[in-house]
N, C-alpha and C. Protein backbone atom coordinates (compact mmCIF):
# COMPACT_ATOMS: atom_id res chain seq x y z
N MET A 1 -115.15 22.68 86.19
CA MET A 1 -115.60 23.68 85.24
C MET A 1 -114.91 23.49 83.90
N GLY A 2 -113.61 23.52 83.91
CA GLY A 2 -112.89 23.32 82.66
C GLY A 2 -112.84 24.54 81.79
N HIS A 3 -112.87 24.30 80.57
CA HIS A 3 -112.61 25.20 79.46
C HIS A 3 -113.70 26.26 79.30
N GLY A 4 -113.32 27.49 79.10
CA GLY A 4 -114.29 28.56 78.89
C GLY A 4 -114.62 28.76 77.44
N PRO A 5 -115.68 29.54 77.14
CA PRO A 5 -116.04 29.82 75.76
C PRO A 5 -115.02 30.74 75.09
N GLY A 6 -115.03 30.76 73.78
CA GLY A 6 -114.14 31.66 73.08
C GLY A 6 -113.44 31.05 71.90
N HIS A 7 -113.80 29.84 71.57
CA HIS A 7 -113.15 29.17 70.44
C HIS A 7 -114.20 28.94 69.36
N GLY A 8 -114.01 29.51 68.20
CA GLY A 8 -114.97 29.32 67.13
C GLY A 8 -115.05 30.53 66.22
N ARG A 9 -116.08 30.60 65.41
CA ARG A 9 -116.28 31.67 64.42
C ARG A 9 -117.15 32.77 64.99
N GLY A 10 -117.25 33.89 64.24
CA GLY A 10 -118.05 35.02 64.66
C GLY A 10 -119.53 34.74 64.68
N GLY A 11 -120.27 35.56 65.41
CA GLY A 11 -121.72 35.43 65.49
C GLY A 11 -122.17 35.03 66.88
N HIS A 12 -123.39 34.47 66.95
CA HIS A 12 -123.98 34.08 68.22
C HIS A 12 -124.05 32.57 68.29
N GLY A 13 -123.71 32.03 69.44
CA GLY A 13 -123.81 30.59 69.64
C GLY A 13 -124.52 30.26 70.93
N PRO A 14 -125.57 29.42 70.89
CA PRO A 14 -126.26 29.05 72.12
C PRO A 14 -125.42 28.09 72.96
N ILE A 15 -125.48 28.27 74.26
CA ILE A 15 -124.74 27.45 75.21
C ILE A 15 -125.64 27.27 76.43
N LYS A 16 -125.54 26.15 77.09
CA LYS A 16 -126.21 25.97 78.38
C LYS A 16 -125.25 25.20 79.28
N ASP A 17 -124.36 25.96 79.94
CA ASP A 17 -123.38 25.34 80.81
C ASP A 17 -122.80 26.42 81.73
N HIS A 18 -121.96 26.01 82.66
CA HIS A 18 -121.29 26.93 83.57
C HIS A 18 -119.80 26.96 83.22
N TYR A 19 -119.22 28.17 83.26
CA TYR A 19 -117.81 28.34 82.94
C TYR A 19 -117.17 29.24 83.99
N ASP A 20 -115.90 29.00 84.27
CA ASP A 20 -115.22 29.83 85.24
C ASP A 20 -114.25 30.84 84.63
N TYR A 21 -113.97 30.73 83.32
CA TYR A 21 -113.15 31.73 82.67
C TYR A 21 -113.41 31.74 81.17
N GLY A 22 -113.03 32.83 80.53
CA GLY A 22 -113.11 32.96 79.09
C GLY A 22 -111.74 33.30 78.53
N ASP A 23 -111.45 32.82 77.34
CA ASP A 23 -110.15 33.01 76.71
C ASP A 23 -110.38 33.47 75.26
N ALA A 24 -110.10 34.74 74.97
CA ALA A 24 -110.33 35.30 73.65
C ALA A 24 -109.03 35.31 72.85
N ASN A 25 -108.75 34.22 72.16
CA ASN A 25 -107.54 34.12 71.36
C ASN A 25 -107.61 34.93 70.08
N GLY A 26 -108.81 35.15 69.55
CA GLY A 26 -108.98 35.87 68.31
C GLY A 26 -109.78 37.15 68.55
N TYR A 27 -111.10 37.08 68.39
CA TYR A 27 -111.96 38.23 68.56
C TYR A 27 -112.48 38.34 69.99
N SER A 28 -112.85 39.57 70.38
CA SER A 28 -113.53 39.79 71.66
C SER A 28 -114.90 39.12 71.61
N PHE A 29 -115.45 38.78 72.77
CA PHE A 29 -116.80 38.20 72.80
C PHE A 29 -117.49 38.54 74.10
N ASP A 30 -118.82 38.53 74.05
CA ASP A 30 -119.67 38.72 75.23
C ASP A 30 -120.26 37.38 75.62
N VAL A 31 -120.15 37.08 76.92
CA VAL A 31 -120.75 35.88 77.48
C VAL A 31 -122.10 36.29 78.07
N LEU A 32 -123.20 35.64 77.65
CA LEU A 32 -124.54 35.99 78.08
C LEU A 32 -125.02 35.01 79.14
N TYR A 33 -125.47 35.54 80.28
CA TYR A 33 -125.92 34.71 81.39
C TYR A 33 -127.44 34.62 81.42
N ALA A 34 -127.95 33.56 82.06
CA ALA A 34 -129.39 33.31 82.17
C ALA A 34 -130.12 34.44 82.88
N ASP A 35 -129.46 35.14 83.79
CA ASP A 35 -130.13 36.20 84.54
C ASP A 35 -130.10 37.55 83.81
N GLY A 36 -129.66 37.58 82.56
CA GLY A 36 -129.65 38.81 81.77
C GLY A 36 -128.34 39.60 81.86
N ARG A 37 -127.45 39.24 82.75
CA ARG A 37 -126.16 39.92 82.82
C ARG A 37 -125.24 39.37 81.73
N TRP A 38 -124.11 40.04 81.53
CA TRP A 38 -123.13 39.58 80.56
C TRP A 38 -121.73 40.01 80.99
N ASP A 39 -120.73 39.34 80.48
CA ASP A 39 -119.33 39.69 80.67
C ASP A 39 -118.66 39.76 79.31
N ARG A 40 -117.77 40.73 79.12
CA ARG A 40 -117.00 40.84 77.89
C ARG A 40 -115.59 40.34 78.14
N VAL A 41 -115.10 39.54 77.20
CA VAL A 41 -113.69 39.10 77.22
C VAL A 41 -113.05 39.75 76.01
N GLU A 42 -112.09 40.63 76.27
CA GLU A 42 -111.43 41.37 75.19
C GLU A 42 -110.43 40.51 74.45
N ARG A 43 -110.27 40.82 73.18
CA ARG A 43 -109.34 40.12 72.29
C ARG A 43 -107.95 40.02 72.91
N GLY A 44 -107.39 38.82 72.85
CA GLY A 44 -106.04 38.59 73.35
C GLY A 44 -105.94 38.50 74.87
N THR A 45 -107.07 38.38 75.54
CA THR A 45 -107.04 38.28 77.00
C THR A 45 -107.81 37.05 77.49
N SER A 46 -107.59 36.74 78.75
CA SER A 46 -108.36 35.74 79.48
C SER A 46 -108.87 36.43 80.72
N ARG A 47 -110.04 36.01 81.21
CA ARG A 47 -110.56 36.60 82.43
C ARG A 47 -111.53 35.65 83.11
N PRO A 48 -111.71 35.80 84.42
CA PRO A 48 -112.66 34.95 85.13
C PRO A 48 -114.09 35.31 84.76
N LEU A 49 -114.95 34.30 84.79
CA LEU A 49 -116.38 34.47 84.58
C LEU A 49 -117.10 34.03 85.86
N ASP A 50 -118.40 34.25 85.91
CA ASP A 50 -119.20 33.86 87.08
C ASP A 50 -119.54 32.38 87.01
N PRO A 51 -118.84 31.52 87.74
CA PRO A 51 -119.06 30.08 87.63
C PRO A 51 -120.40 29.60 88.18
N ASN A 52 -121.09 30.46 88.92
CA ASN A 52 -122.38 30.10 89.50
C ASN A 52 -123.56 30.48 88.63
N ASN A 53 -123.30 31.22 87.55
CA ASN A 53 -124.36 31.70 86.67
C ASN A 53 -124.36 30.88 85.36
N LEU A 54 -125.51 30.43 84.94
CA LEU A 54 -125.64 29.64 83.71
C LEU A 54 -125.38 30.51 82.49
N VAL A 55 -124.44 30.07 81.67
CA VAL A 55 -124.16 30.77 80.39
C VAL A 55 -125.17 30.23 79.36
N THR A 56 -125.86 31.17 78.70
CA THR A 56 -126.86 30.78 77.71
C THR A 56 -126.48 31.14 76.28
N GLY A 57 -125.38 31.89 76.12
CA GLY A 57 -124.94 32.22 74.77
C GLY A 57 -123.65 33.01 74.78
N VAL A 58 -123.08 33.14 73.60
CA VAL A 58 -121.88 33.94 73.43
C VAL A 58 -122.02 34.69 72.10
N ASN A 59 -121.69 35.98 72.13
CA ASN A 59 -121.68 36.79 70.91
C ASN A 59 -120.24 37.15 70.61
N VAL A 60 -119.73 36.68 69.47
CA VAL A 60 -118.37 37.01 69.06
C VAL A 60 -118.41 38.34 68.30
N LEU A 61 -117.59 39.26 68.70
CA LEU A 61 -117.59 40.62 68.14
C LEU A 61 -116.55 40.75 67.03
N CYS A 62 -117.01 40.55 65.82
CA CYS A 62 -116.13 40.61 64.64
C CYS A 62 -116.06 42.07 64.13
N PRO A 63 -114.88 42.53 63.74
CA PRO A 63 -114.77 43.90 63.22
C PRO A 63 -115.45 44.08 61.87
């Protein structure tokens, strides 16, 4: 699996891959899955993601 999403600038970024964790070093972000579900990774935290679900995008939550 490797590296999770969470590195980059604010906004929405398309992705088509599987990830097992997210690491929010700067801003919080939402990981969007192909089945319509999502997970939020809060600023300054790391957390597990659903490695069996295809990630289709990430929304970085800028203040």
